[in-house]
C-alpha atoms as a PDB file:
ATOM      1  CA  MET A   1      86.484  70.500   6.724  1.00  0.00           C
ATOM      2  CA  THR A   2      84.986  67.983   9.791  1.00  0.00           C
ATOM      3  CA  VAL A   3      87.269  69.751  12.413  1.00  0.00           C
ATOM      4  CA  PHE A   4      85.627  73.084  11.243  1.00  0.00           C
ATOM      5  CA  LEU A   5      82.080  72.668  11.068  1.00  0.00           C
ATOM      6  CA  GLN A   6      81.835  70.296  14.261  1.00  0.00           C
ATOM      7  CA  GLN A   7      83.132  73.889  15.629  1.00  0.00           C
ATOM      8  CA  LEU A   8      80.758  75.938  14.039  1.00  0.00           C
ATOM      9  CA  ILE A   9      78.018  74.040  15.233  1.00  0.00           C
ATOM     10  CA  ASN A  10      79.542  73.935  18.714  1.00  0.00           C
ATOM     11  CA  GLY A  11      79.392  78.024  18.557  1.00  0.00           C
ATOM     12  CA  LEU A  12      76.367  78.335  17.030  1.00  0.00           C
ATOM     13  CA  SER A  13      74.748  76.807  19.952  1.00  0.00           C
ATOM     14  CA  VAL A  14      76.819  78.621  22.039  1.00  0.00           C
ATOM     15  CA  GLY A  15      76.124  81.860  20.463  1.00  0.00           C
ATOM     16  CA  ALA A  16      72.057  80.296  20.517  1.00  0.00           C
ATOM     17  CA  ILE A  17      72.753  80.870  24.304  1.00  0.00           C
ATOM     18  CA  TYR A  18      73.552  84.214  24.043  1.00  0.00           C
ATOM     19  CA  ALA A  19      71.709  85.868  22.190  1.00  0.00           C
ATOM     20  CA  LEU A  20      69.030  84.296  24.217  1.00  0.00           C
ATOM     21  CA  ILE A  21      70.427  86.246  27.611  1.00  0.00           C
ATOM     22  CA  ALA A  22      71.539  89.880  25.811  1.00  0.00           C
ATOM     23  CA  LEU A  23      67.743  90.387  24.287  1.00  0.00           C
ATOM     24  CA  GLY A  24      67.136  90.978  27.608  1.00  0.00           C
ATOM     25  CA  TYR A  25      69.825  93.434  27.659  1.00  0.00           C
ATOM     26  CA  THR A  26      68.691  95.173  24.680  1.00  0.00           C
ATOM     27  CA  MET A  27      65.059  94.947  25.318  1.00  0.00           C
ATOM     28  CA  VAL A  28      65.513  97.686  28.267  1.00  0.00           C
ATOM     29  CA  TYR A  29      68.120  99.361  27.029  1.00  0.00           C
ATOM     30  CA  GLY A  30      65.697 100.585  23.793  1.00  0.00           C
ATOM     31  CA  ILE A  31      62.889 101.344  26.270  1.00  0.00           C
ATOM     32  CA  LEU A  32      65.115 102.851  29.454  1.00  0.00           C
ATOM     33  CA  ARG A  33      68.680 103.094  28.137  1.00  0.00           C
ATOM     34  CA  PHE A  34      70.372 102.000  31.503  1.00  0.00           C
ATOM     35  CA  ILE A  35      71.467  98.080  31.383  1.00  0.00           C
ATOM     36  CA  ASN A  36      70.211  95.915  33.911  1.00  0.00           C
ATOM     37  CA  PHE A  37      73.222  94.761  35.432  1.00  0.00           C
ATOM     38  CA  ALA A  38      71.044  92.211  37.403  1.00  0.00           C
ATOM     39  CA  HIS A  39      70.096  90.584  34.987  1.00  0.00           C
ATOM     40  CA  SER A  40      73.444  87.744  34.373  1.00  0.00           C
ATOM     41  CA  ASP A  41      71.598  86.585  38.015  1.00  0.00           C
ATOM     42  CA  ILE A  42      68.180  85.874  36.888  1.00  0.00           C
ATOM     43  CA  PHE A  43      70.342  83.823  34.321  1.00  0.00           C
ATOM     44  CA  MET A  44      70.997  81.878  37.468  1.00  0.00           C
ATOM     45  CA  VAL A  45      68.031  82.236  39.101  1.00  0.00           C
ATOM     46  CA  GLY A  46      66.612  79.530  35.546  1.00  0.00           C
ATOM     47  CA  ALA A  47      68.866  76.945  35.762  1.00  0.00           C
ATOM     48  CA  TYR A  48      67.928  76.791  39.788  1.00  0.00           C
ATOM     49  CA  CYS A  49      63.997  76.613  38.491  1.00  0.00           C
ATOM     50  CA  GLY A  50      64.546  73.995  36.179  1.00  0.00           C
ATOM     51  CA  PHE A  51      66.662  72.274  38.877  1.00  0.00           C
ATOM     52  CA  TYR A  52      63.820  71.722  41.445  1.00  0.00           C
ATOM     53  CA  PHE A  53      61.322  71.881  38.851  1.00  0.00           C
ATOM     54  CA  SER A  54      62.933  69.199  37.606  1.00  0.00           C
ATOM     55  CA  ARG A  55      62.284  67.256  40.145  1.00  0.00           C
ATOM     56  CA  MET A  56      58.353  66.798  39.112  1.00  0.00           C
ATOM     57  CA  ASP A  57      59.122  65.014  36.033  1.00  0.00           C
ATOM     58  CA  PRO A  58      61.613  61.580  37.151  1.00  0.00           C
ATOM     59  CA  ARG A  59      61.463  60.018  33.580  1.00  0.00           C
ATOM     60  CA  HIS A  60      62.582  63.362  31.457  1.00  0.00           C
ATOM     61  CA  SER A  61      60.537  63.792  28.133  1.00  0.00           C
ATOM     62  CA  LEU A  62      60.235  65.954  26.111  1.00  0.00           C
ATOM     63  CA  ALA A  63      57.410  67.037  27.287  1.00  0.00           C
ATOM     64  CA  GLY A  64      57.740  67.474  30.897  1.00  0.00           C
ATOM     65  CA  GLY A  65      61.137  68.991  29.554  1.00  0.00           C
ATOM     66  CA  LEU A  66      59.035  72.439  27.892  1.00  0.00           C
ATOM     67  CA  VAL A  67      57.594  72.193  31.178  1.00  0.00           C
ATOM     68  CA  VAL A  68      59.858  72.583  33.797  1.00  0.00           C
ATOM     69  CA  MET A  69      61.615  75.026  31.140  1.00  0.00           C
ATOM     70  CA  ALA A  70      57.782  76.816  31.101  1.00  0.00           C
ATOM     71  CA  LEU A  71      57.892  76.974  34.867  1.00  0.00           C
ATOM     72  CA  ALA A  72      61.290  78.389  35.109  1.00  0.00           C
ATOM     73  CA  MET A  73      60.645  81.111  32.309  1.00  0.00           C
ATOM     74  CA  MET A  74      57.099  82.726  34.609  1.00  0.00           C
ATOM     75  CA  VAL A  75      58.947  82.019  37.576  1.00  0.00           C
ATOM     76  CA  CYS A  76      61.534  84.663  36.817  1.00  0.00           C
ATOM     77  CA  ALA A  77      59.749  86.980  34.543  1.00  0.00           C
ATOM     78  CA  VAL A  78      57.451  87.594  37.791  1.00  0.00           C
ATOM     79  CA  LEU A  79      61.498  87.959  39.726  1.00  0.00           C
ATOM     80  CA  GLY A  80      62.119  90.937  37.141  1.00  0.00           C
ATOM     81  CA  ILE A  81      59.003  92.185  37.266  1.00  0.00           C
ATOM     82  CA  ILE A  82      59.050  92.464  40.777  1.00  0.00           C
ATOM     83  CA  ILE A  83      63.044  93.653  40.376  1.00  0.00           C
ATOM     84  CA  GLU A  84      61.769  96.347  38.042  1.00  0.00           C
ATOM     85  CA  ARG A  85      58.158  97.721  40.439  1.00  0.00           C
ATOM     86  CA  LEU A  86      60.267  97.484  42.794  1.00  0.00           C
ATOM     87  CA  ALA A  87      64.607  98.809  42.910  1.00  0.00           C
ATOM     88  CA  TYR A  88      63.814 101.272  39.284  1.00  0.00           C
ATOM     89  CA  ARG A  89      60.412 102.864  38.797  1.00  0.00           C
ATOM     90  CA  PRO A  90      60.909 104.352  42.427  1.00  0.00           C
ATOM     91  CA  LEU A  91      64.489 105.632  40.277  1.00  0.00           C
ATOM     92  CA  ARG A  92      63.047 106.458  37.344  1.00  0.00           C
ATOM     93  CA  GLY A  93      63.919 110.338  36.117  1.00  0.00           C
ATOM     94  CA  SER A  94      67.254 110.029  38.298  1.00  0.00           C
ATOM     95  CA  SER A  95      70.378 110.617  37.194  1.00  0.00           C
ATOM     96  CA  ASN A  96      72.025 106.539  35.668  1.00  0.00           C
ATOM     97  CA  LEU A  97      74.394 106.431  37.921  1.00  0.00           C
ATOM     98  CA  ALA A  98      72.074 106.451  40.689  1.00  0.00           C
ATOM     99  CA  VAL A  99      69.953 103.480  38.173  1.00  0.00           C
ATOM    100  CA  LEU A 100      73.560 101.674  37.521  1.00  0.00           C
ATOM    101  CA  ILE A 101      74.931 100.943  40.562  1.00  0.00           C
ATOM    102  CA  THR A 102      71.804 100.032  42.277  1.00  0.00           C
ATOM    103  CA  ALA A 103      71.592  97.747  39.162  1.00  0.00           C
ATOM    104  CA  ILE A 104      75.071  96.618  40.798  1.00  0.00           C
ATOM    105  CA  GLY A 105      73.349  96.216  44.045  1.00  0.00           C
ATOM    106  CA  VAL A 106      70.298  94.096  42.767  1.00  0.00           C
ATOM    107  CA  SER A 107      73.276  91.722  41.470  1.00  0.00           C
ATOM    108  CA  ILE A 108      75.525  91.568  44.281  1.00  0.00           C
ATOM    109  CA  PHE A 109      71.857  90.824  46.312  1.00  0.00           C
ATOM    110  CA  LEU A 110      70.287  87.540  43.846  1.00  0.00           C
ATOM    111  CA  GLU A 111      73.821  87.053  44.926  1.00  0.00           C
ATOM    112  CA  ASN A 112      74.182  86.254  47.796  1.00  0.00           C
ATOM    113  CA  THR A 113      70.329  85.087  48.443  1.00  0.00           C
ATOM    114  CA  GLY A 114      70.779  82.436  46.591  1.00  0.00           C
ATOM    115  CA  GLN A 115      73.869  81.483  47.846  1.00  0.00           C
ATOM    116  CA  LEU A 116      71.687  81.398  51.420  1.00  0.00           C
ATOM    117  CA  VAL A 117      68.681  80.256  49.935  1.00  0.00           C
ATOM    118  CA  PHE A 118      70.147  77.128  47.254  1.00  0.00           C
ATOM    119  CA  GLY A 119      73.653  76.853  48.457  1.00  0.00           C
ATOM    120  CA  ALA A 120      77.382  77.644  47.955  1.00  0.00           C
ATOM    121  CA  ASP A 121      78.692  74.611  46.531  1.00  0.00           C
ATOM    122  CA  PRO A 122      78.198  73.683  42.716  1.00  0.00           C
ATOM    123  CA  LYS A 123      75.302  70.940  42.179  1.00  0.00           C
ATOM    124  CA  ALA A 124      75.587  68.869  39.177  1.00  0.00           C
ATOM    125  CA  PHE A 125      72.421  69.560  36.645  1.00  0.00           C
ATOM    126  CA  PRO A 126      69.424  67.032  36.228  1.00  0.00           C
ATOM    127  CA  GLU A 127      69.189  65.720  32.292  1.00  0.00           C
ATOM    128  CA  LEU A 128      65.830  67.706  31.397  1.00  0.00           C
ATOM    129  CA  PHE A 129      65.606  65.845  27.778  1.00  0.00           C
ATOM    130  CA  PRO A 130      66.296  62.198  26.730  1.00  0.00           C
ATOM    131  CA  GLU A 131      69.881  62.985  25.231  1.00  0.00           C
ATOM    132  CA  ARG A 132      71.040  61.996  21.539  1.00  0.00           C
ATOM    133  CA  ASN A 133      74.181  62.139  19.717  1.00  0.00           C
ATOM    134  CA  PHE A 134      73.576  62.120  15.779  1.00  0.00           C
ATOM    135  CA  THR A 135      76.775  61.150  14.084  1.00  0.00           C
ATOM    136  CA  SER A 136      77.263  61.599  10.281  1.00  0.00           C
ATOM    137  CA  HIS A 137      79.698  59.277   8.828  1.00  0.00           C
ATOM    138  CA  SER A 138      82.540  61.728   7.533  1.00  0.00           C
ATOM    139  CA  GLY A 139      82.710  62.182  12.482  1.00  0.00           C
ATOM    140  CA  LEU A 140      80.756  65.153  12.741  1.00  0.00           C
ATOM    141  CA  THR A 141      78.663  64.936  15.693  1.00  0.00           C
ATOM    142  CA  VAL A 142      74.894  66.463  16.964  1.00  0.00           C
ATOM    143  CA  SER A 143      74.329  66.001  20.290  1.00  0.00           C
ATOM    144  CA  SER A 144      69.871  66.813  21.065  1.00  0.00           C
ATOM    145  CA  ASP A 145      70.858  68.887  23.545  1.00  0.00           C
ATOM    146  CA  GLN A 146      71.920  71.612  20.532  1.00  0.00           C
ATOM    147  CA  LEU A 147      69.515  70.603  18.516  1.00  0.00           C
ATOM    148  CA  LEU A 148      67.309  71.599  21.185  1.00  0.00           C
ATOM    149  CA  VAL A 149      69.134  75.202  21.707  1.00  0.00           C
ATOM    150  CA  PHE A 150      68.498  75.704  18.399  1.00  0.00           C
ATOM    151  CA  ALA A 151      65.663  74.702  18.195  1.00  0.00           C
ATOM    152  CA  VAL A 152      64.436  76.929  21.564  1.00  0.00           C
ATOM    153  CA  THR A 153      66.289  79.548  20.218  1.00  0.00           C
ATOM    154  CA  ALA A 154      64.770  80.059  16.296  1.00  0.00           C
ATOM    155  CA  ALA A 155      61.560  79.618  18.025  1.00  0.00           C
ATOM    156  CA  LEU A 156      61.282  82.315  21.392  1.00  0.00           C
ATOM    157  CA  LEU A 157      63.221  84.984  18.401  1.00  0.00           C
ATOM    158  CA  VAL A 158      59.744  84.787  16.126  1.00  0.00           C
ATOM    159  CA  ALA A 159      58.028  84.924  18.739  1.00  0.00           C
ATOM    160  CA  LEU A 160      60.054  88.124  20.078  1.00  0.00           C
ATOM    161  CA  GLN A 161      59.461  89.452  17.303  1.00  0.00           C
ATOM    162  CA  TRP A 162      56.115  88.957  16.685  1.00  0.00           C
ATOM    163  CA  ILE A 163      55.269  90.201  19.862  1.00  0.00           C
ATOM    164  CA  VAL A 164      57.654  93.871  19.238  1.00  0.00           C
ATOM    165  CA  LEU A 165      55.941  94.084  15.524  1.00  0.00           C
ATOM    166  CA  HIS A 166      52.558  92.316  15.223  1.00  0.00           C
ATOM    167  CA  THR A 167      50.181  93.004  18.456  1.00  0.00           C
ATOM    168  CA  LYS A 168      49.119  95.686  20.417  1.00  0.00           C
ATOM    169  CA  ILE A 169      51.345  95.555  23.539  1.00  0.00           C
ATOM    170  CA  GLY A 170      54.700  95.335  21.222  1.00  0.00           C
ATOM    171  CA  THR A 171      53.514  98.634  19.754  1.00  0.00           C
ATOM    172  CA  ALA A 172      53.682 100.333  23.067  1.00  0.00           C
ATOM    173  CA  MET A 173      56.913  99.193  23.277  1.00  0.00           C
ATOM    174  CA  ARG A 174      58.507 101.030  19.997  1.00  0.00           C
ATOM    175  CA  ALA A 175      56.851 103.811  21.253  1.00  0.00           C
ATOM    176  CA  VAL A 176      58.077 103.832  24.581  1.00  0.00           C
ATOM    177  CA  ALA A 177      61.078 103.016  23.157  1.00  0.00           C
ATOM    178  CA  PHE A 178      61.498 105.793  21.564  1.00  0.00           C
ATOM    179  CA  ASN A 179      59.305 108.762  23.374  1.00  0.00           C
ATOM    180  CA  HIS A 180      58.073 108.270  26.724  1.00  0.00           C
ATOM    181  CA  GLN A 181      56.519 111.797  27.077  1.00  0.00           C
ATOM    182  CA  ALA A 182      54.716 111.211  23.797  1.00  0.00           C
ATOM    183  CA  ALA A 183      53.718 107.673  24.768  1.00  0.00           C
ATOM    184  CA  SER A 184      52.438 108.379  27.978  1.00  0.00           C
ATOM    185  CA  LEU A 185      50.258 111.658  26.083  1.00  0.00           C
ATOM    186  CA  MET A 186      48.834 108.751  23.300  1.00  0.00           C
ATOM    187  CA  GLY A 187      47.727 107.089  26.554  1.00  0.00           C
ATOM    188  CA  ILE A 188      49.831 104.355  26.580  1.00  0.00           C
ATOM    189  CA  ASN A 189      50.361 103.293  30.106  1.00  0.00           C
ATOM    190  CA  VAL A 190      54.240 103.566  30.508  1.00  0.00           C
ATOM    191  CA  ASP A 191      54.861 101.531  33.610  1.00  0.00           C
ATOM    192  CA  ARG A 192      53.380  99.131  32.422  1.00  0.00           C
ATOM    193  CA  VAL A 193      55.191  98.058  29.765  1.00  0.00           C
ATOM    194  CA  ILE A 194      58.516  99.084  30.518  1.00  0.00           C
ATOM    195  CA  SER A 195      56.658  96.581  33.273  1.00  0.00           C
ATOM    196  CA  PHE A 196      56.089  93.928  30.413  1.00  0.00           C
ATOM    197  CA  THR A 197      59.059  94.326  29.351  1.00  0.00           C
ATOM    198  CA  PHE A 198      61.074  92.600  31.991  1.00  0.00           C
ATOM    199  CA  GLY A 199      59.259  90.423  32.541  1.00  0.00           C
ATOM    200  CA  LEU A 200      60.412  88.825  28.914  1.00  0.00           C
ATOM    201  CA  GLY A 201      63.721  89.988  29.097  1.00  0.00           C
ATOM    202  CA  SER A 202      64.021  87.557  32.696  1.00  0.00           C
ATOM    203  CA  ALA A 203      62.543  85.186  30.980  1.00  0.00           C
ATOM    204  CA  LEU A 204      64.139  84.507  27.982  1.00  0.00           C
ATOM    205  CA  ALA A 205      66.929  84.602  30.733  1.00  0.00           C
ATOM    206  CA  ALA A 206      65.652  81.859  32.654  1.00  0.00           C
ATOM    207  CA  ALA A 207      65.781  79.545  28.888  1.00  0.00           C
ATOM    208  CA  GLY A 208      68.952  80.481  28.262  1.00  0.00           C
ATOM    209  CA  GLY A 209      69.864  79.451  32.005  1.00  0.00           C
ATOM    210  CA  ILE A 210      68.299  76.401  31.196  1.00  0.00           C
ATOM    211  CA  LEU A 211      70.258  76.387  28.379  1.00  0.00           C
ATOM    212  CA  TYR A 212      73.651  76.895  28.594  1.00  0.00           C
ATOM    213  CA  ALA A 213      72.975  74.223  32.686  1.00  0.00           C
ATOM    214  CA  MET A 214      72.592  72.080  29.474  1.00  0.00           C
ATOM    215  CA  ASN A 215      75.991  72.289  27.977  1.00  0.00           C
ATOM    216  CA  TYR A 216      77.149  72.702  30.685  1.00  0.00           C
ATOM    217  CA  PRO A 217      75.645  70.299  33.122  1.00  0.00           C
ATOM    218  CA  SER A 218      76.490  72.546  36.765  1.00  0.00           C
ATOM    219  CA  ILE A 219      74.847  75.542  38.172  1.00  0.00           C
ATOM    220  CA  ASP A 220      76.319  77.936  41.354  1.00  0.00           C
ATOM    221  CA  PRO A 221      75.201  81.740  42.571  1.00  0.00           C
ATOM    222  CA  TYR A 222      77.955  82.656  40.787  1.00  0.00           C
ATOM    223  CA  MET A 223      77.292  81.175  37.055  1.00  0.00           C
ATOM    224  CA  GLY A 224      75.384  83.893  35.008  1.00  0.00           C
ATOM    225  CA  VAL A 225      78.196  86.412  35.656  1.00  0.00           C
ATOM    226  CA  LEU A 226      80.308  85.259  32.876  1.00  0.00           C
ATOM    227  CA  PRO A 227      78.095  84.538  30.592  1.00  0.00           C
ATOM    228  CA  GLY A 228      76.677  88.029  31.994  1.00  0.00           C
ATOM    229  CA  LEU A 229      79.036  89.367  30.566  1.00  0.00           C
ATOM    230  CA  LYS A 230      79.395  87.975  27.639  1.00  0.00           C
ATOM    231  CA  ALA A 231      76.409  88.964  26.417  1.00  0.00           C
ATOM    232  CA  PHE A 232      76.674  92.209  27.377  1.00  0.00           C
ATOM    233  CA  VAL A 233      79.278  92.315  24.665  1.00  0.00           C
ATOM    234  CA  ALA A 234      77.027  90.695  22.437  1.00  0.00           C
ATOM    235  CA  ALA A 235      74.054  93.707  22.838  1.00  0.00           C
ATOM    236  CA  VAL A 236      76.898  96.332  21.912  1.00  0.00           C
ATOM    237  CA  LEU A 237      78.156  93.909  19.221  1.00  0.00           C
ATOM    238  CA  GLY A 238      74.748  93.600  17.612  1.00  0.00           C
ATOM    239  CA  GLY A 239      73.467  96.983  18.083  1.00  0.00           C
ATOM    240  CA  ILE A 240      72.300  97.542  22.009  1.00  0.00           C
ATOM    241  CA  GLY A 241      69.006  98.306  21.675  1.00  0.00           C
ATOM    242  CA  ASN A 242      68.363  95.909  18.405  1.00  0.00           C
ATOM    243  CA  ILE A 243      66.868  92.698  19.184  1.00  0.00           C
ATOM    244  CA  PRO A 244      68.086  91.234  14.945  1.00  0.00           C
ATOM    245  CA  GLY A 245      70.945  93.047  16.601  1.00  0.00           C
ATOM    246  CA  ALA A 246      71.565  91.559  19.395  1.00  0.00           C
ATOM    247  CA  ALA A 247      70.644  88.238  18.134  1.00  0.00           C
ATOM    248  CA  LEU A 248      73.788  89.001  15.580  1.00  0.00           C
ATOM    249  CA  GLY A 249      76.150  89.894  18.251  1.00  0.00           C
ATOM    250  CA  GLY A 250      74.991  86.987  20.310  1.00  0.00           C
ATOM    251  CA  VAL A 251      75.626  83.874  17.499  1.00  0.00           C
ATOM    252  CA  LEU A 252      79.208  85.805  16.428  1.00  0.00           C
ATOM    253  CA  LEU A 253      80.604  86.065  19.918  1.00  0.00           C
ATOM    254  CA  GLY A 254      79.835  82.459  20.137  1.00  0.00           C
ATOM    255  CA  LEU A 255      81.418  81.448  17.046  1.00  0.00           C
ATOM    256  CA  ILE A 256      84.917  84.079  17.877  1.00  0.00           C
ATOM    257  CA  GLU A 257      84.865  82.124  21.393  1.00  0.00           C
ATOM    258  CA  THR A 258      84.336  78.576  20.466  1.00  0.00           C
ATOM    259  CA  PHE A 259      86.281  78.455  17.374  1.00  0.00           C
ATOM    260  CA  VAL A 260      89.903  80.606  19.518  1.00  0.00           C
ATOM    261  CA  LYS A 261      89.227  77.360  22.128  1.00  0.00           C
ATOM    262  CA  GLY A 262      89.287  75.606  19.136  1.00  0.00           C
ATOM    263  CA  SER A 263      93.259  77.337  18.327  1.00  0.00           C
ATOM    264  CA  GLN A 264      96.328  77.564  19.938  1.00  0.00           C
ATOM    265  CA  PHE A 265      94.699  80.915  21.650  1.00  0.00           C
ATOM    266  CA  SER A 266      92.650  78.643  24.539  1.00  0.00           C
ATOM    267  CA  THR A 267      93.744  80.225  27.085  1.00  0.00           C
ATOM    268  CA  TYR A 268      92.952  84.109  26.024  1.00  0.00           C
ATOM    269  CA  SER A 269      89.505  82.932  24.796  1.00  0.00           C
ATOM    270  CA  ASP A 270      88.027  85.876  27.634  1.00  0.00           C
ATOM    271  CA  ALA A 271      89.898  87.946  27.075  1.00  0.00           C
ATOM    272  CA  ILE A 272      89.477  88.115  23.528  1.00  0.00           C
ATOM    273  CA  ALA A 273      85.431  87.999  24.075  1.00  0.00           C
ATOM    274  CA  PHE A 274      86.440  91.414  26.201  1.00  0.00           C
ATOM    275  CA  ALA A 275      89.050  92.879  23.794  1.00  0.00           C
ATOM    276  CA  VAL A 276      85.574  92.448  20.731  1.00  0.00           C
ATOM    277  CA  LEU A 277      83.961  95.036  22.584  1.00  0.00           C
ATOM    278  CA  ILE A 278      86.408  97.508  22.795  1.00  0.00           C
ATOM    279  CA  LEU A 279      87.476  97.354  19.539  1.00  0.00           C
ATOM    280  CA  ILE A 280      83.511  97.167  18.592  1.00  0.00           C
ATOM    281  CA  LEU A 281      83.344 100.763  21.327  1.00  0.00           C
ATOM    282  CA  LEU A 282      86.783 102.218  18.779  1.00  0.00           C
ATOM    283  CA  LEU A 283      85.671 101.620  15.834  1.00  0.00           C
ATOM    284  CA  ARG A 284      81.833 101.316  15.495  1.00  0.00           C
ATOM    285  CA  PRO A 285      80.063 102.129  19.103  1.00  0.00           C
ATOM    286  CA  ALA A 286      76.224 101.782  17.282  1.00  0.00           C
ATOM    287  CA  GLY A 287      77.580  98.118  16.789  1.00  0.00           C
ATOM    288  CA  LEU A 288      77.416  96.213  13.330  1.00  0.00           C
ATOM    289  CA  LEU A 289      73.174  97.300  13.028  1.00  0.00           C
ATOM    290  CA  GLY A 290      72.742 100.313  15.061  1.00  0.00           C
ATOM    291  CA  LYS A 291      72.457 103.293  14.097  1.00  0.00           C
ATOM    292  CA  VAL A 292      74.533 105.860  14.731  1.00  0.00           C
ATOM    293  CA  GLN A 293      71.769 108.614  16.505  1.00  0.00           C
ATOM    294  CA  VAL A 294      73.397 112.393  17.188  1.00  0.00           C
ATOM    295  CA  GLU A 295      72.002 114.682  20.329  1.00  0.00           C
ATOM    296  CA  LYS A 296      71.758 117.793  19.778  1.00  0.00           C
ATOM    297  CA  VAL A 297      73.216 119.709  22.185  1.00  0.00           C
END
């Protein structure tokens, strides 16, 4: 039972990070109906921002670490808005294939720019927050980093739900997701709403990048590729375009991956994660919380 509970905690910690990344995918898809494959590289930029901003707080205090995370989220939010303005907005109204190819191009551009700016060699991520392990009498261990992952993810999910459901910009986001043209006719600035969505999703990716780097303290320009793909699987698993579904999919995928890694099939953990994607697409294409929509021809 102790081993089971330990794996459960580890899986929830990994799943919470996947959930933060998946939220960016699902919000952009909900409004524009395309997958922003550059999102995983914004995750990488967020980790590097945390790496360099951490030098501002040599004592690695809790308050200092939160400030570092907030700064990284702001930088990545601006980066997401710039990418949307320069790369995606000119293609508004173009075919989905053109936008998809552009997203892949932006992803490759960010990865190679990361190699040029940050260097290709892996860097050891610093200890942003005071680290401590809490061990129960039964041997169950929870680290302060895992507790921080749970707390930050829960806080950001609550904040996101509040923005989407209880603010003017959130209402505009839901209106644009439902019908671009009708929202525009009602006086909503569609371009501003889309830019805000990109910025918000990129900020969440930055937080996920820092939390991931804290638990796996080695960063490089290609660090976002595999977590980004798994977060995409999580978004599809929960229901692409559905915010609670993205969070649920991230948690479930983290649990599946962790329990597989703790079994005799540990070498196949990544393959099993993508096998889950294939099964979901075959059995329930709309995802666990997604709704099947009938399109009229």
